[in-house]
Amino acid sequence: MDTKPVLEKLLRSFLDNGMEEADLIEKEKSGLGTDMLAVWLKGFGSISNEAVGEFYFIGDKPCIFTARISVLDEIEDDKLPTLSAEIADINSRIPLGGFSYDPVENVIFYSLRVPVRESFSEKEITEEADSAAALSLSVAGSYVSVLLKVYGGSV
C-alpha cells in the first residue's frame, strides 16, 4: 500500500491551516523504514514549550496509522515518578491513545494508532489519517499544560 500520497495530502492540509513548520521525510532519502510527516509545534501548551509531531504508517497490508506527539523532552530522573503518576491519571480519562515516557529519547509523548483496513480507498485512508492527526494534536494539546505544571515548567 503506497501511503506517501496520503502523507502528502496531510502535509498540504497542515500547511493550508497555518502550520508553517511541517515536512515530509521520505524513506528513500532518510533511511527510515517508512515515509514520515514531521511537524514542529511552537508554543504547544505554553508559550515556551515546543513539541514535535510525527505521523506515519506501519506495515503494508493492512497497516496502522500512527500519530506521535512528543510534548516534553530532556526529562530529569527525579521528576519521572510524579510525571508517571500524572500520566496514569490522564490516560485513565482519555478514550483513545495515551501518554507515555520514551527512555531512549528521554521524552514524554502522546501516541494514537489507528488500524487501516486493506479494503479502504485512498480517500478513506486520508480521512482516517486526517481525523487521527487532528485528534492527537487536540488531546496532546489539552493535557500538555498539566504535564508542564507537574514537571515544574512555566505555562
Protein backbone atom coordinates (compact mmCIF):
# COMPACT_ATOMS: atom_id res chain seq x y z
CA MET A 1 0.00 0.00 0.00
CA ASP A 2 1.50 3.32 -1.07
CA THR A 3 0.85 5.71 1.81
CA LYS A 4 3.05 8.55 0.59
CA PRO A 5 0.18 10.31 -1.28
CA VAL A 6 -1.85 10.26 1.94
CA LEU A 7 1.00 11.87 3.88
CA GLU A 8 1.42 14.45 1.11
CA LYS A 9 -2.28 15.37 1.40
CA LEU A 10 -1.96 15.58 5.17
CA LEU A 11 1.08 17.85 4.74
CA ARG A 12 -0.88 20.15 2.41
CA SER A 13 -3.72 20.22 4.94
CA PHE A 14 -1.33 21.22 7.73
CA LEU A 15 0.27 23.93 5.60
CA ASP A 16 -3.14 25.22 4.45
CA ASN A 17 -4.17 25.51 8.11
CA GLY A 18 -1.22 27.69 9.07
CA MET A 19 1.30 25.13 10.29
CA GLU A 20 4.45 26.59 8.82
CA GLU A 21 6.96 24.04 10.01
CA ALA A 22 5.92 20.73 8.52
CA ASP A 23 7.91 18.47 6.24
CA LEU A 24 7.56 15.08 4.57
CA ILE A 25 10.62 12.96 5.30
CA GLU A 26 10.92 10.37 2.55
CA LYS A 27 12.19 6.93 3.48
CA GLU A 28 14.44 6.75 0.42
CA LYS A 29 16.30 9.89 1.45
CA SER A 30 16.26 9.42 5.22
CA GLY A 31 17.00 5.72 5.67
CA LEU A 32 13.86 5.34 7.81
CA GLY A 33 11.70 2.30 7.22
CA THR A 34 8.73 4.47 6.25
CA ASP A 35 7.82 7.91 4.99
CA MET A 36 7.09 10.28 7.86
CA LEU A 37 5.38 13.63 8.17
CA ALA A 38 7.14 15.74 10.81
CA VAL A 39 5.58 18.84 12.35
CA TRP A 40 7.24 21.31 14.73
CA LEU A 41 4.77 22.91 17.11
CA LYS A 42 5.87 26.14 18.80
CA GLY A 43 4.06 27.36 21.88
CA PHE A 44 2.46 23.95 22.48
CA GLY A 45 0.79 24.05 25.88
CA SER A 46 2.79 27.11 26.92
CA ILE A 47 4.49 29.97 25.18
CA SER A 48 7.94 28.46 25.70
CA ASN A 49 7.19 24.80 25.02
CA GLU A 50 7.88 23.16 21.68
CA ALA A 51 6.52 19.81 20.56
CA VAL A 52 7.25 17.54 17.62
CA GLY A 53 4.55 15.62 15.78
CA GLU A 54 5.39 12.52 13.77
CA PHE A 55 2.76 10.94 11.52
CA TYR A 56 3.46 7.70 9.65
CA PHE A 57 2.16 4.30 8.62
CA ILE A 58 3.45 1.00 9.98
CA GLY A 59 3.07 -2.20 7.97
CA ASP A 60 1.90 -2.87 4.47
CA LYS A 61 -1.50 -4.58 4.12
CA PRO A 62 -3.25 -3.88 6.40
CA CYS A 63 -1.36 -1.09 8.08
CA ILE A 64 -1.58 1.17 11.10
CA PHE A 65 -1.51 4.95 11.02
CA THR A 66 0.50 6.35 13.92
CA ALA A 67 0.37 9.87 15.32
CA ARG A 68 3.05 10.58 17.93
CA ILE A 69 3.38 14.00 19.57
CA SER A 70 6.49 14.47 21.73
CA VAL A 71 5.38 17.08 24.27
CA LEU A 72 8.23 17.24 26.83
CA ASP A 73 11.89 16.42 26.38
CA GLU A 74 15.06 16.17 28.48
CA ILE A 75 13.15 14.71 31.43
CA GLU A 76 15.04 14.80 34.71
CA ASP A 77 15.16 11.44 36.53
CA ASP A 78 13.80 12.81 39.79
CA LYS A 79 10.66 14.09 38.00
CA LEU A 80 9.73 10.71 36.47
CA PRO A 81 7.72 9.29 39.41
CA THR A 82 5.48 12.37 39.64
CA LEU A 83 5.10 12.58 35.86
CA SER A 84 4.32 8.85 35.66
CA ALA A 85 1.55 9.20 38.24
CA GLU A 86 0.06 12.15 36.35
CA ILE A 87 0.31 10.28 33.03
CA ALA A 88 -1.55 7.31 34.55
CA ASP A 89 -4.29 9.65 35.78
CA ILE A 90 -4.57 11.42 32.41
CA ASN A 91 -4.60 8.14 30.47
CA SER A 92 -7.48 6.89 32.61
CA ARG A 93 -9.58 9.83 31.39
CA ILE A 94 -8.89 9.78 27.65
CA PRO A 95 -10.72 7.28 25.44
CA LEU A 96 -8.14 6.91 22.65
CA GLY A 97 -4.37 6.83 22.62
CA GLY A 98 -2.25 7.67 25.60
CA PHE A 99 0.78 9.42 27.02
CA SER A 100 3.99 7.55 27.73
CA TYR A 101 7.66 8.01 28.53
CA ASP A 102 10.33 7.03 25.97
CA PRO A 103 13.55 6.34 27.89
CA VAL A 104 15.65 6.13 24.72
CA GLU A 105 14.72 9.61 23.52
CA ASN A 106 14.01 10.86 27.07
CA VAL A 107 10.65 12.37 26.09
CA ILE A 108 7.03 12.28 27.18
CA PHE A 109 4.79 11.70 24.18
CA TYR A 110 1.17 11.13 23.21
CA SER A 111 0.53 8.35 20.74
CA LEU A 112 -2.57 7.31 18.82
CA ARG A 113 -2.63 4.33 16.47
CA VAL A 114 -5.46 3.67 14.05
CA PRO A 115 -5.81 0.44 12.05
CA VAL A 116 -6.31 0.92 8.32
CA ARG A 117 -8.26 -1.82 6.59
CA GLU A 118 -6.92 -3.29 3.39
CA SER A 119 -10.24 -2.54 1.68
CA PHE A 120 -10.04 1.21 2.37
CA SER A 121 -9.73 3.53 -0.61
CA GLU A 122 -7.06 6.23 -0.64
CA LYS A 123 -9.79 8.74 0.20
CA GLU A 124 -10.89 6.70 3.25
CA ILE A 125 -7.29 6.28 4.40
CA THR A 126 -6.74 10.03 4.04
CA GLU A 127 -9.89 10.75 6.08
CA GLU A 128 -8.79 8.34 8.83
CA ALA A 129 -5.28 9.80 8.93
CA ASP A 130 -6.60 13.37 8.96
CA SER A 131 -9.01 12.60 11.80
CA ALA A 132 -6.34 10.77 13.83
CA ALA A 133 -3.83 13.61 13.34
CA ALA A 134 -6.37 16.24 14.40
CA LEU A 135 -7.47 14.19 17.40
CA SER A 136 -3.89 13.54 18.53
CA LEU A 137 -2.98 17.23 18.32
CA SER A 138 -6.12 18.16 20.24
CA VAL A 139 -5.65 15.61 23.03
CA ALA A 140 -1.93 16.25 23.41
CA GLY A 141 -2.55 19.99 23.41
CA SER A 142 -5.29 19.65 26.03
CA TYR A 143 -3.06 17.91 28.57
CA VAL A 144 0.44 19.23 27.95
CA SER A 145 -0.12 22.24 30.20
CA VAL A 146 -0.99 19.86 33.07
CA LEU A 147 2.19 17.89 32.44
CA LEU A 148 4.20 21.11 32.30
CA LYS A 149 2.82 22.21 35.68
CA VAL A 150 3.62 18.84 37.22
CA TYR A 151 7.09 18.96 35.70
CA GLY A 152 7.68 22.42 37.07
CA GLY A 153 7.77 24.29 33.78
CA SER A 154 6.08 27.56 33.06
CA VAL A 155 2.67 27.74 31.42
